[in-house]
PDB file of N, CA and C in Angstrom:
ATOM      1  N   UNK A   1       1.103  -1.151  -0.171  1.00  0.00           N
ATOM      2  CA  UNK A   1      -0.115  -0.018   0.095  1.00  0.00           C
ATOM      3  C   UNK A   1       0.670   1.395   0.007  1.00  0.00           C
ATOM      4  N   UNK A   2       0.458   2.314  -0.561  1.00  0.00           N
ATOM      5  CA  UNK A   2       1.000   3.542  -0.691  1.00  0.00           C
ATOM      6  C   UNK A   2       0.697   4.583   0.490  1.00  0.00           C
ATOM      7  N   UNK A   3       1.620   4.990   1.104  1.00  0.00           N
ATOM      8  CA  UNK A   3       1.213   6.042   2.169  1.00  0.00           C
ATOM      9  C   UNK A   3       0.687   7.260   1.347  1.00  0.00           C
ATOM     10  N   UNK A   4      -0.226   7.443   1.935  1.00  0.00           N
ATOM     11  CA  UNK A   4      -1.031   8.538   1.452  1.00  0.00           C
ATOM     12  C   UNK A   4      -1.341   9.783   2.246  1.00  0.00           C
ATOM     13  N   UNK A   5      -1.415   9.934   3.717  1.00  0.00           N
ATOM     14  CA  UNK A   5      -1.488  11.328   4.470  1.00  0.00           C
ATOM     15  C   UNK A   5      -0.610  10.532   5.624  1.00  0.00           C
ATOM     16  N   UNK A   6      -0.168  11.426   6.692  1.00  0.00           N
ATOM     17  CA  UNK A   6       0.393  11.814   7.983  1.00  0.00           C
ATOM     18  C   UNK A   6      -0.201  12.473   8.621  1.00  0.00           C
ATOM     19  N   UNK A   7      -0.341  12.510   9.920  1.00  0.00           N
ATOM     20  CA  UNK A   7      -1.007  13.162  10.678  1.00  0.00           C
ATOM     21  C   UNK A   7      -0.241  13.076  12.258  1.00  0.00           C
ATOM     22  N   UNK A   8       0.349  14.064  12.599  1.00  0.00           N
ATOM     23  CA  UNK A   8       1.178  13.748  13.601  1.00  0.00           C
ATOM     24  C   UNK A   8       0.160  14.497  14.979  1.00  0.00           C
ATOM     25  N   UNK A   9       0.508  13.402  15.729  1.00  0.00           N
ATOM     26  CA  UNK A   9      -0.465  13.385  17.006  1.00  0.00           C
ATOM     27  C   UNK A   9       0.442  14.229  17.890  1.00  0.00           C
ATOM     28  N   UNK A  10       1.662  14.047  18.394  1.00  0.00           N
ATOM     29  CA  UNK A  10       2.531  14.854  19.259  1.00  0.00           C
ATOM     30  C   UNK A  10       2.672  13.533  20.418  1.00  0.00           C
ATOM     31  N   UNK A  11       2.968  14.365  21.684  1.00  0.00           N
ATOM     32  CA  UNK A  11       3.479  13.360  22.288  1.00  0.00           C
ATOM     33  C   UNK A  11       2.673  12.799  23.589  1.00  0.00           C
ATOM     34  N   UNK A  12       2.532  11.797  24.066  1.00  0.00           N
ATOM     35  CA  UNK A  12       1.766  11.156  24.874  1.00  0.00           C
ATOM     36  C   UNK A  12       2.312  10.552  25.738  1.00  0.00           C
ATOM     37  N   UNK A  13       2.233  10.633  27.267  1.00  0.00           N
ATOM     38  CA  UNK A  13       3.065   9.617  28.224  1.00  0.00           C
ATOM     39  C   UNK A  13       4.418   9.200  27.795  1.00  0.00           C
ATOM     40  N   UNK A  14       5.057  10.214  27.045  1.00  0.00           N
ATOM     41  CA  UNK A  14       6.196  10.186  26.755  1.00  0.00           C
ATOM     42  C   UNK A  14       6.840   9.910  25.694  1.00  0.00           C
ATOM     43  N   UNK A  15       5.600   9.374  24.886  1.00  0.00           N
ATOM     44  CA  UNK A  15       6.140   8.865  23.218  1.00  0.00           C
ATOM     45  C   UNK A  15       5.211   9.681  22.467  1.00  0.00           C
ATOM     46  N   UNK A  16       6.008   9.759  20.985  1.00  0.00           N
ATOM     47  CA  UNK A  16       5.607  10.263  20.057  1.00  0.00           C
ATOM     48  C   UNK A  16       4.734   9.500  18.847  1.00  0.00           C
ATOM     49  N   UNK A  17       3.607   9.952  18.754  1.00  0.00           N
ATOM     50  CA  UNK A  17       2.350   9.261  17.895  1.00  0.00           C
ATOM     51  C   UNK A  17       2.455   9.891  16.761  1.00  0.00           C
ATOM     52  N   UNK A  18       1.801   8.939  15.516  1.00  0.00           N
ATOM     53  CA  UNK A  18       1.165   9.614  14.054  1.00  0.00           C
ATOM     54  C   UNK A  18       0.166   8.670  13.768  1.00  0.00           C
ATOM     55  N   UNK A  19      -0.546   9.275  12.993  1.00  0.00           N
ATOM     56  CA  UNK A  19      -1.650   8.654  11.951  1.00  0.00           C
ATOM     57  C   UNK A  19      -1.059   8.190  10.714  1.00  0.00           C
ATOM     58  N   UNK A  20      -1.091   7.304   9.914  1.00  0.00           N
ATOM     59  CA  UNK A  20      -1.103   7.055   8.575  1.00  0.00           C
ATOM     60  C   UNK A  20      -1.612   6.379   7.560  1.00  0.00           C
ATOM     61  N   UNK A  21      -2.154   7.275   6.708  1.00  0.00           N
ATOM     62  CA  UNK A  21      -3.131   6.688   5.955  1.00  0.00           C
ATOM     63  C   UNK A  21      -2.772   5.983   4.867  1.00  0.00           C
ATOM     64  N   UNK A  22      -3.326   4.900   4.230  1.00  0.00           N
ATOM     65  CA  UNK A  22      -2.607   4.229   2.875  1.00  0.00           C
ATOM     66  C   UNK A  22      -3.823   4.062   2.135  1.00  0.00           C
ATOM     67  N   UNK A  23      -3.033   4.031   0.870  1.00  0.00           N
ATOM     68  CA  UNK A  23      -4.254   3.535  -0.457  1.00  0.00           C
ATOM     69  C   UNK A  23      -3.559   2.704  -0.904  1.00  0.00           C
ATOM     70  N   UNK A  24      -4.270   1.945  -1.989  1.00  0.00           N
ATOM     71  CA  UNK A  24      -3.836   0.916  -2.842  1.00  0.00           C
ATOM     72  C   UNK A  24      -4.826   0.924  -4.248  1.00  0.00           C
ATOM     73  N   UNK A  25      -4.834   0.766  -5.441  1.00  0.00           N
ATOM     74  CA  UNK A  25      -3.088   1.193  -5.646  1.00  0.00           C
ATOM     75  C   UNK A  25      -2.758   2.522  -5.623  1.00  0.00           C
ATOM     76  N   UNK A  26      -1.420   2.923  -5.688  1.00  0.00           N
ATOM     77  CA  UNK A  26      -0.682   4.036  -5.665  1.00  0.00           C
ATOM     78  C   UNK A  26      -1.143   5.210  -6.636  1.00  0.00           C
ATOM     79  N   UNK A  27      -1.378   5.901  -6.314  1.00  0.00           N
ATOM     80  CA  UNK A  27      -1.947   7.150  -6.834  1.00  0.00           C
ATOM     81  C   UNK A  27      -1.224   7.769  -7.928  1.00  0.00           C
ATOM     82  N   UNK A  28      -1.475   8.241  -9.011  1.00  0.00           N
ATOM     83  CA  UNK A  28      -0.680   8.734 -10.188  1.00  0.00           C
ATOM     84  C   UNK A  28      -0.780  10.065  -9.775  1.00  0.00           C
ATOM     85  N   UNK A  29      -1.887  10.830  -9.322  1.00  0.00           N
ATOM     86  CA  UNK A  29      -2.037  12.185  -9.046  1.00  0.00           C
ATOM     87  C   UNK A  29      -2.789  12.446  -7.626  1.00  0.00           C
ATOM     88  N   UNK A  30      -1.699  12.436  -6.697  1.00  0.00           N
ATOM     89  CA  UNK A  30      -2.107  12.926  -5.412  1.00  0.00           C
ATOM     90  C   UNK A  30      -3.169  13.633  -4.927  1.00  0.00           C
ATOM     91  N   UNK A  31      -3.197  15.120  -6.106  1.00  0.00           N
ATOM     92  CA  UNK A  31      -3.919  16.224  -5.634  1.00  0.00           C
ATOM     93  C   UNK A  31      -5.101  15.840  -6.231  1.00  0.00           C
ATOM     94  N   UNK A  32      -5.525  14.795  -7.096  1.00  0.00           N
ATOM     95  CA  UNK A  32      -6.820  14.639  -7.689  1.00  0.00           C
ATOM     96  C   UNK A  32      -7.728  13.215  -7.085  1.00  0.00           C
ATOM     97  N   UNK A  33      -6.441  12.589  -6.304  1.00  0.00           N
ATOM     98  CA  UNK A  33      -7.071  11.158  -5.738  1.00  0.00           C
ATOM     99  C   UNK A  33      -8.347  11.150  -4.753  1.00  0.00           C
ATOM    100  N   UNK A  34      -9.057  10.707  -4.558  1.00  0.00           N
ATOM    101  CA  UNK A  34     -10.362  10.672  -3.624  1.00  0.00           C
ATOM    102  C   UNK A  34     -10.091   8.980  -3.287  1.00  0.00           C
ATOM    103  N   UNK A  35      -9.554   8.462  -1.617  1.00  0.00           N
ATOM    104  CA  UNK A  35      -9.509   7.190  -1.882  1.00  0.00           C
ATOM    105  C   UNK A  35     -10.913   6.662  -1.601  1.00  0.00           C
ATOM    106  N   UNK A  36     -12.213   7.095  -1.443  1.00  0.00           N
ATOM    107  CA  UNK A  36     -13.378   6.679  -1.540  1.00  0.00           C
ATOM    108  C   UNK A  36     -13.673   6.265  -3.142  1.00  0.00           C
ATOM    109  N   UNK A  37     -13.383   7.149  -3.809  1.00  0.00           N
ATOM    110  CA  UNK A  37     -14.013   6.575  -5.052  1.00  0.00           C
ATOM    111  C   UNK A  37     -12.432   6.103  -5.873  1.00  0.00           C
ATOM    112  N   UNK A  38     -11.290   6.437  -5.740  1.00  0.00           N
ATOM    113  CA  UNK A  38     -10.370   5.882  -6.470  1.00  0.00           C
ATOM    114  C   UNK A  38      -9.771   4.442  -5.787  1.00  0.00           C
ATOM    115  N   UNK A  39      -9.602   4.090  -4.421  1.00  0.00           N
ATOM    116  CA  UNK A  39      -8.776   3.059  -4.208  1.00  0.00           C
ATOM    117  C   UNK A  39      -9.647   1.920  -4.296  1.00  0.00           C
ATOM    118  N   UNK A  40      -8.740   0.830  -4.150  1.00  0.00           N
ATOM    119  CA  UNK A  40      -9.665  -0.509  -4.437  1.00  0.00           C
ATOM    120  C   UNK A  40      -9.239  -0.979  -2.335  1.00  0.00           C
ATOM    121  N   UNK A  41      -8.400  -0.364  -1.774  1.00  0.00           N
ATOM    122  CA  UNK A  41      -8.131  -0.965  -0.729  1.00  0.00           C
ATOM    123  C   UNK A  41      -7.956   0.543   0.217  1.00  0.00           C
ATOM    124  N   UNK A  42      -8.186   0.927   0.982  1.00  0.00           N
ATOM    125  CA  UNK A  42      -7.253   1.982   2.069  1.00  0.00           C
ATOM    126  C   UNK A  42      -7.489   1.620   3.592  1.00  0.00           C
ATOM    127  N   UNK A  43      -6.783   2.476   4.494  1.00  0.00           N
ATOM    128  CA  UNK A  43      -6.779   2.173   5.886  1.00  0.00           C
ATOM    129  C   UNK A  43      -6.019   3.201   6.396  1.00  0.00           C
ATOM    130  N   UNK A  44      -6.168   3.329   7.770  1.00  0.00           N
ATOM    131  CA  UNK A  44      -4.992   3.998   8.738  1.00  0.00           C
ATOM    132  C   UNK A  44      -4.246   3.336   9.507  1.00  0.00           C
ATOM    133  N   UNK A  45      -3.623   3.331   9.949  1.00  0.00           N
ATOM    134  CA  UNK A  45      -2.572   3.399  11.034  1.00  0.00           C
ATOM    135  C   UNK A  45      -2.387   4.333  12.226  1.00  0.00           C
ATOM    136  N   UNK A  46      -2.632   3.657  13.752  1.00  0.00           N
ATOM    137  CA  UNK A  46      -1.797   4.677  14.876  1.00  0.00           C
ATOM    138  C   UNK A  46      -0.488   3.899  15.130  1.00  0.00           C
ATOM    139  N   UNK A  47       0.460   4.737  15.069  1.00  0.00           N
ATOM    140  CA  UNK A  47       2.033   4.162  14.911  1.00  0.00           C
ATOM    141  C   UNK A  47       2.565   5.197  16.471  1.00  0.00           C
ATOM    142  N   UNK A  48       3.573   4.288  17.098  1.00  0.00           N
ATOM    143  CA  UNK A  48       4.295   4.785  18.260  1.00  0.00           C
ATOM    144  C   UNK A  48       5.377   5.187  17.101  1.00  0.00           C
ATOM    145  N   UNK A  49       6.055   5.980  17.268  1.00  0.00           N
ATOM    146  CA  UNK A  49       7.467   6.522  16.726  1.00  0.00           C
ATOM    147  C   UNK A  49       8.634   6.104  17.598  1.00  0.00           C
ATOM    148  N   UNK A  50       9.358   5.469  16.834  1.00  0.00           N
ATOM    149  CA  UNK A  50      10.653   4.864  17.548  1.00  0.00           C
ATOM    150  C   UNK A  50      11.348   6.017  18.117  1.00  0.00           C
ATOM    151  N   UNK A  51      11.996   5.683  19.370  1.00  0.00           N
ATOM    152  CA  UNK A  51      12.819   6.630  20.062  1.00  0.00           C
ATOM    153  C   UNK A  51      14.222   6.577  18.953  1.00  0.00           C
ATOM    154  N   UNK A  52      14.721   5.488  18.081  1.00  0.00           N
ATOM    155  CA  UNK A  52      15.941   5.980  17.815  1.00  0.00           C
ATOM    156  C   UNK A  52      15.777   5.953  16.188  1.00  0.00           C
ATOM    157  N   UNK A  53      16.552   6.396  15.311  1.00  0.00           N
ATOM    158  CA  UNK A  53      16.357   6.236  13.959  1.00  0.00           C
ATOM    159  C   UNK A  53      16.774   5.091  13.182  1.00  0.00           C
ATOM    160  N   UNK A  54      17.393   4.360  13.956  1.00  0.00           N
ATOM    161  CA  UNK A  54      17.667   3.035  13.464  1.00  0.00           C
ATOM    162  C   UNK A  54      16.851   2.076  14.193  1.00  0.00           C
ATOM    163  N   UNK A  55      15.725   2.152  15.152  1.00  0.00           N
ATOM    164  CA  UNK A  55      14.993   1.542  15.483  1.00  0.00           C
ATOM    165  C   UNK A  55      13.939   1.314  14.818  1.00  0.00           C
ATOM    166  N   UNK A  56      12.641   0.445  14.849  1.00  0.00           N
ATOM    167  CA  UNK A  56      11.681   0.513  13.746  1.00  0.00           C
ATOM    168  C   UNK A  56      10.212   0.742  14.815  1.00  0.00           C
ATOM    169  N   UNK A  57       9.515   1.973  13.870  1.00  0.00           N
ATOM    170  CA  UNK A  57       8.348   2.363  14.678  1.00  0.00           C
ATOM    171  C   UNK A  57       7.390   1.209  15.141  1.00  0.00           C
ATOM    172  N   UNK A  58       6.732   1.224  15.889  1.00  0.00           N
ATOM    173  CA  UNK A  58       5.489   0.367  16.612  1.00  0.00           C
ATOM    174  C   UNK A  58       4.095   0.675  15.919  1.00  0.00           C
ATOM    175  N   UNK A  59       3.515  -0.299  14.908  1.00  0.00           N
ATOM    176  CA  UNK A  59       1.958  -0.247  14.857  1.00  0.00           C
ATOM    177  C   UNK A  59       1.338  -0.524  16.093  1.00  0.00           C
ATOM    178  N   UNK A  60       0.206   0.040  16.490  1.00  0.00           N
ATOM    179  CA  UNK A  60      -0.391  -0.079  17.392  1.00  0.00           C
ATOM    180  C   UNK A  60      -1.805  -0.760  16.787  1.00  0.00           C
ATOM    181  N   UNK A  61      -2.461   0.095  16.411  1.00  0.00           N
ATOM    182  CA  UNK A  61      -3.757  -0.560  15.619  1.00  0.00           C
ATOM    183  C   UNK A  61      -4.078   0.112  14.237  1.00  0.00           C
ATOM    184  N   UNK A  62      -4.454  -1.099  13.695  1.00  0.00           N
ATOM    185  CA  UNK A  62      -4.671  -0.436  11.916  1.00  0.00           C
ATOM    186  C   UNK A  62      -6.184  -0.690  11.783  1.00  0.00           C
ATOM    187  N   UNK A  63      -6.811  -0.162  10.737  1.00  0.00           N
ATOM    188  CA  UNK A  63      -8.160  -0.027  10.497  1.00  0.00           C
ATOM    189  C   UNK A  63      -7.979   0.148   8.630  1.00  0.00           C
ATOM    190  N   UNK A  64      -8.471  -1.280   8.115  1.00  0.00           N
ATOM    191  CA  UNK A  64      -8.164  -0.958   6.354  1.00  0.00           C
ATOM    192  C   UNK A  64      -9.345  -1.983   5.870  1.00  0.00           C
ATOM    193  N   UNK A  65      -9.370  -1.916   4.755  1.00  0.00           N
ATOM    194  CA  UNK A  65     -10.473  -2.719   3.569  1.00  0.00           C
ATOM    195  C   UNK A  65     -10.036  -4.049   3.036  1.00  0.00           C
ATOM    196  N   UNK A  66      -8.556  -4.173   3.633  1.00  0.00           N
ATOM    197  CA  UNK A  66      -8.310  -5.609   2.990  1.00  0.00           C
ATOM    198  C   UNK A  66      -9.037  -6.547   3.670  1.00  0.00           C
ATOM    199  N   UNK A  67      -9.344  -7.732   2.772  1.00  0.00           N
ATOM    200  CA  UNK A  67      -9.857  -9.169   2.988  1.00  0.00           C
ATOM    201  C   UNK A  67     -11.687  -8.632   2.993  1.00  0.00           C
ATOM    202  N   UNK A  68     -11.624  -8.023   2.109  1.00  0.00           N
ATOM    203  CA  UNK A  68     -13.021  -7.373   1.630  1.00  0.00           C
ATOM    204  C   UNK A  68     -14.043  -7.033   2.237  1.00  0.00           C
ATOM    205  N   UNK A  69     -13.398  -6.775   3.680  1.00  0.00           N
ATOM    206  CA  UNK A  69     -14.259  -6.028   4.482  1.00  0.00           C
ATOM    207  C   UNK A  69     -13.606  -5.181   5.320  1.00  0.00           C
ATOM    208  N   UNK A  70     -14.275  -3.707   6.020  1.00  0.00           N
ATOM    209  CA  UNK A  70     -13.403  -3.253   6.887  1.00  0.00           C
ATOM    210  C   UNK A  70     -13.067  -3.886   8.134  1.00  0.00           C
ATOM    211  N   UNK A  71     -12.134  -3.654   8.536  1.00  0.00           N
ATOM    212  CA  UNK A  71     -11.592  -4.066  10.081  1.00  0.00           C
ATOM    213  C   UNK A  71     -10.575  -3.463  10.745  1.00  0.00           C
ATOM    214  N   UNK A  72     -10.576  -3.734  11.916  1.00  0.00           N
ATOM    215  CA  UNK A  72      -9.634  -3.446  13.016  1.00  0.00           C
ATOM    216  C   UNK A  72      -8.415  -4.317  13.630  1.00  0.00           C
ATOM    217  N   UNK A  73      -7.344  -3.803  13.287  1.00  0.00           N
ATOM    218  CA  UNK A  73      -6.571  -4.859  13.673  1.00  0.00           C
ATOM    219  C   UNK A  73      -5.921  -4.509  14.954  1.00  0.00           C
ATOM    220  N   UNK A  74      -6.027  -5.357  16.044  1.00  0.00           N
ATOM    221  CA  UNK A  74      -5.568  -4.572  17.653  1.00  0.00           C
ATOM    222  C   UNK A  74      -3.930  -5.305  17.178  1.00  0.00           C
ATOM    223  N   UNK A  75      -2.887  -4.480  16.826  1.00  0.00           N
ATOM    224  CA  UNK A  75      -1.474  -4.952  17.055  1.00  0.00           C
ATOM    225  C   UNK A  75      -0.850  -4.865  17.874  1.00  0.00           C
ATOM    226  N   UNK A  76      -1.444  -4.124  18.973  1.00  0.00           N
ATOM    227  CA  UNK A  76      -0.631  -4.288  20.160  1.00  0.00           C
ATOM    228  C   UNK A  76      -0.666  -5.257  21.004  1.00  0.00           C
ATOM    229  N   UNK A  77      -1.801  -5.996  21.026  1.00  0.00           N
ATOM    230  CA  UNK A  77      -2.472  -7.221  21.383  1.00  0.00           C
ATOM    231  C   UNK A  77      -0.681  -8.391  21.386  1.00  0.00           C
ATOM    232  N   UNK A  78      -0.514  -8.893  22.427  1.00  0.00           N
ATOM    233  CA  UNK A  78       0.571 -10.143  22.067  1.00  0.00           C
ATOM    234  C   UNK A  78      -0.013 -11.298  21.485  1.00  0.00           C
ATOM    235  N   UNK A  79       0.787 -11.806  21.069  1.00  0.00           N
ATOM    236  CA  UNK A  79       0.718 -13.242  20.384  1.00  0.00           C
ATOM    237  C   UNK A  79      -0.458 -14.266  21.196  1.00  0.00           C
ATOM    238  N   UNK A  80      -0.436 -14.172  22.518  1.00  0.00           N
ATOM    239  CA  UNK A  80      -0.664 -15.317  23.396  1.00  0.00           C
ATOM    240  C   UNK A  80      -1.906 -14.798  24.053  1.00  0.00           C
ATOM    241  N   UNK A  81      -2.394 -13.930  23.682  1.00  0.00           N
ATOM    242  CA  UNK A  81      -3.815 -12.964  24.359  1.00  0.00           C
ATOM    243  C   UNK A  81      -5.130 -13.686  24.005  1.00  0.00           C
ATOM    244  N   UNK A  82      -6.001 -13.762  24.940  1.00  0.00           N
ATOM    245  CA  UNK A  82      -7.034 -14.574  24.623  1.00  0.00           C
ATOM    246  C   UNK A  82      -7.966 -13.671  23.824  1.00  0.00           C
ATOM    247  N   UNK A  83      -7.611 -12.420  23.522  1.00  0.00           N
ATOM    248  CA  UNK A  83      -8.868 -11.915  23.090  1.00  0.00           C
ATOM    249  C   UNK A  83      -8.633 -11.932  21.079  1.00  0.00           C
ATOM    250  N   UNK A  84      -9.387 -11.560  20.496  1.00  0.00           N
ATOM    251  CA  UNK A  84      -8.852 -11.622  19.004  1.00  0.00           C
ATOM    252  C   UNK A  84      -8.447 -10.313  18.840  1.00  0.00           C
ATOM    253  N   UNK A  85      -7.797 -10.718  17.730  1.00  0.00           N
ATOM    254  CA  UNK A  85      -6.739  -9.158  17.371  1.00  0.00           C
ATOM    255  C   UNK A  85      -7.386  -8.786  16.160  1.00  0.00           C
ATOM    256  N   UNK A  86      -8.293  -9.268  15.277  1.00  0.00           N
ATOM    257  CA  UNK A  86      -9.535  -8.827  14.276  1.00  0.00           C
ATOM    258  C   UNK A  86     -10.527  -8.890  14.827  1.00  0.00           C
ATOM    259  N   UNK A  87     -11.029  -7.378  14.257  1.00  0.00           N
ATOM    260  CA  UNK A  87     -12.813  -6.778  14.711  1.00  0.00           C
ATOM    261  C   UNK A  87     -13.385  -6.470  13.000  1.00  0.00           C
ATOM    262  N   UNK A  88     -14.216  -7.483  13.175  1.00  0.00           N
ATOM    263  CA  UNK A  88     -14.570  -7.013  11.757  1.00  0.00           C
ATOM    264  C   UNK A  88     -15.847  -5.611  11.786  1.00  0.00           C
ATOM    265  N   UNK A  89     -16.046  -4.666  11.033  1.00  0.00           N
ATOM    266  CA  UNK A  89     -16.100  -3.539  10.982  1.00  0.00           C
ATOM    267  C   UNK A  89     -17.700  -3.743  10.049  1.00  0.00           C
ATOM    268  N   UNK A  90     -18.670  -2.499  10.136  1.00  0.00           N
ATOM    269  CA  UNK A  90     -19.538  -2.521   8.963  1.00  0.00           C
ATOM    270  C   UNK A  90     -19.029  -1.971   7.648  1.00  0.00           C
ATOM    271  N   UNK A  91     -19.903  -2.304   6.618  1.00  0.00           N
ATOM    272  CA  UNK A  91     -19.155  -1.834   5.535  1.00  0.00           C
ATOM    273  C   UNK A  91     -19.149  -0.430   5.153  1.00  0.00           C
ATOM    274  N   UNK A  92     -19.521   0.300   6.083  1.00  0.00           N
ATOM    275  CA  UNK A  92     -19.754   1.918   5.676  1.00  0.00           C
ATOM    276  C   UNK A  92     -18.357   2.796   6.573  1.00  0.00           C
ATOM    277  N   UNK A  93     -17.640   2.083   6.757  1.00  0.00           N
ATOM    278  CA  UNK A  93     -16.403   2.540   7.437  1.00  0.00           C
ATOM    279  C   UNK A  93     -15.362   2.786   6.188  1.00  0.00           C
ATOM    280  N   UNK A  94     -15.503   4.405   5.603  1.00  0.00           N
ATOM    281  CA  UNK A  94     -14.718   5.194   4.918  1.00  0.00           C
ATOM    282  C   UNK A  94     -13.555   5.546   5.190  1.00  0.00           C
ATOM    283  N   UNK A  95     -12.427   5.711   4.357  1.00  0.00           N
ATOM    284  CA  UNK A  95     -11.271   6.792   4.583  1.00  0.00           C
ATOM    285  C   UNK A  95     -10.902   7.743   5.609  1.00  0.00           C
ATOM    286  N   UNK A  96     -12.359   8.533   5.218  1.00  0.00           N
ATOM    287  CA  UNK A  96     -12.316   9.516   6.082  1.00  0.00           C
ATOM    288  C   UNK A  96     -12.944   9.275   8.231  1.00  0.00           C
ATOM    289  N   UNK A  97     -14.031   7.920   7.958  1.00  0.00           N
ATOM    290  CA  UNK A  97     -14.674   7.360   9.213  1.00  0.00           C
ATOM    291  C   UNK A  97     -13.545   6.919   9.923  1.00  0.00           C
ATOM    292  N   UNK A  98     -12.400   6.296   9.204  1.00  0.00           N
ATOM    293  CA  UNK A  98     -11.460   5.493   9.920  1.00  0.00           C
ATOM    294  C   UNK A  98     -10.885   6.339  10.775  1.00  0.00           C
ATOM    295  N   UNK A  99     -10.200   7.324   9.738  1.00  0.00           N
ATOM    296  CA  UNK A  99      -9.376   8.422  10.372  1.00  0.00           C
ATOM    297  C   UNK A  99     -10.139   9.167  11.575  1.00  0.00           C
ATOM    298  N   UNK A 100     -11.474   9.763  11.265  1.00  0.00           N
ATOM    299  CA  UNK A 100     -11.650   9.820  12.548  1.00  0.00           C
ATOM    300  C   UNK A 100     -12.575   9.462  13.861  1.00  0.00           C
ATOM    301  N   UNK A 101     -12.052   7.882  13.676  1.00  0.00           N
ATOM    302  CA  UNK A 101     -12.406   6.959  14.373  1.00  0.00           C
ATOM    303  C   UNK A 101     -11.397   7.105  15.780  1.00  0.00           C
ATOM    304  N   UNK A 102      -9.795   7.201  14.471  1.00  0.00           N
ATOM    305  CA  UNK A 102      -8.705   6.680  15.450  1.00  0.00           C
ATOM    306  C   UNK A 102      -8.386   8.485  15.824  1.00  0.00           C
ATOM    307  N   UNK A 103      -8.517   9.290  15.359  1.00  0.00           N
ATOM    308  CA  UNK A 103      -8.271  10.482  15.982  1.00  0.00           C
ATOM    309  C   UNK A 103      -9.078  10.625  17.354  1.00  0.00           C
ATOM    310  N   UNK A 104     -10.172  10.471  17.450  1.00  0.00           N
ATOM    311  CA  UNK A 104     -10.795  10.277  18.606  1.00  0.00           C
ATOM    312  C   UNK A 104     -10.557   9.447  20.107  1.00  0.00           C
ATOM    313  N   UNK A 105      -9.644   8.302  19.012  1.00  0.00           N
ATOM    314  CA  UNK A 105      -9.623   7.363  20.599  1.00  0.00           C
ATOM    315  C   UNK A 105      -8.410   6.457  20.612  1.00  0.00           C
ATOM    316  N   UNK A 106      -7.143   7.736  19.686  1.00  0.00           N
ATOM    317  CA  UNK A 106      -5.848   6.917  19.859  1.00  0.00           C
ATOM    318  C   UNK A 106      -5.095   7.332  20.935  1.00  0.00           C
ATOM    319  N   UNK A 107      -5.569   7.519  22.076  1.00  0.00           N
ATOM    320  CA  UNK A 107      -5.015   7.891  23.433  1.00  0.00           C
ATOM    321  C   UNK A 107      -5.434   6.575  23.656  1.00  0.00           C
ATOM    322  N   UNK A 108      -6.530   6.125  23.795  1.00  0.00           N
ATOM    323  CA  UNK A 108      -6.671   4.581  24.559  1.00  0.00           C
ATOM    324  C   UNK A 108      -6.199   3.616  23.762  1.00  0.00           C
ATOM    325  N   UNK A 109      -5.912   3.842  22.694  1.00  0.00           N
ATOM    326  CA  UNK A 109      -4.975   2.279  22.023  1.00  0.00           C
ATOM    327  C   UNK A 109      -3.567   2.348  22.406  1.00  0.00           C
ATOM    328  N   UNK A 110      -3.049   3.785  22.348  1.00  0.00           N
ATOM    329  CA  UNK A 110      -2.062   4.185  22.937  1.00  0.00           C
ATOM    330  C   UNK A 110      -1.747   3.339  24.815  1.00  0.00           C
ATOM    331  N   UNK A 111      -2.739   4.008  25.274  1.00  0.00           N
ATOM    332  CA  UNK A 111      -2.736   3.403  26.748  1.00  0.00           C
ATOM    333  C   UNK A 111      -3.016   1.840  26.648  1.00  0.00           C
ATOM    334  N   UNK A 112      -3.626   0.909  26.035  1.00  0.00           N
ATOM    335  CA  UNK A 112      -3.741  -0.588  25.852  1.00  0.00           C
ATOM    336  C   UNK A 112      -2.201  -0.939  25.241  1.00  0.00           C
ATOM    337  N   UNK A 113      -1.972  -0.304  24.255  1.00  0.00           N
ATOM    338  CA  UNK A 113      -0.036  -0.583  23.913  1.00  0.00           C
ATOM    339  C   UNK A 113       0.739  -0.703  25.181  1.00  0.00           C
ATOM    340  N   UNK A 114       0.821   0.369  25.917  1.00  0.00           N
ATOM    341  CA  UNK A 114       1.861   0.568  26.832  1.00  0.00           C
ATOM    342  C   UNK A 114       1.129  -0.666  27.814  1.00  0.00           C
ATOM    343  N   UNK A 115       0.180  -1.085  28.493  1.00  0.00           N
ATOM    344  CA  UNK A 115      -0.132  -1.723  29.268  1.00  0.00           C
ATOM    345  C   UNK A 115      -0.017  -3.255  28.505  1.00  0.00           C
ATOM    346  N   UNK A 116      -0.072  -3.598  27.443  1.00  0.00           N
ATOM    347  CA  UNK A 116       0.308  -5.009  27.249  1.00  0.00           C
ATOM    348  C   UNK A 116       2.069  -5.314  26.990  1.00  0.00           C
ATOM    349  N   UNK A 117       2.702  -4.305  26.528  1.00  0.00           N
ATOM    350  CA  UNK A 117       3.689  -4.053  26.135  1.00  0.00           C
ATOM    351  C   UNK A 117       5.125  -3.316  26.647  1.00  0.00           C
ATOM    352  N   UNK A 118       5.011  -2.646  27.911  1.00  0.00           N
ATOM    353  CA  UNK A 118       5.849  -2.018  28.614  1.00  0.00           C
ATOM    354  C   UNK A 118       5.980  -2.314  29.989  1.00  0.00           C
TER     355      UNK A 118
END
């Protein structure tokens, strides 16, 4: 998928976070590209920025339309968690709605990431 948009969320509990939106296929003209009309798949991820440039960022939660239906992936959960990592969503989760949902709830997901992983 092609990175389409990035939103810096600032610092929370000592770590830096951002949202990244992505689309598929890659847009030829990003200015004229509308994910709702032009994308086969799209999504957003909440990411904790790595402390060092040589470390990898941590994806905390992702929402996308892969697998033929919108869903949320709880990447913060450890592999041995009793909870399902994938939550299937209604078909009306647009690119914009996913962004708005994560903008509203990102701190709660950051807290869950801290709880399970730090």
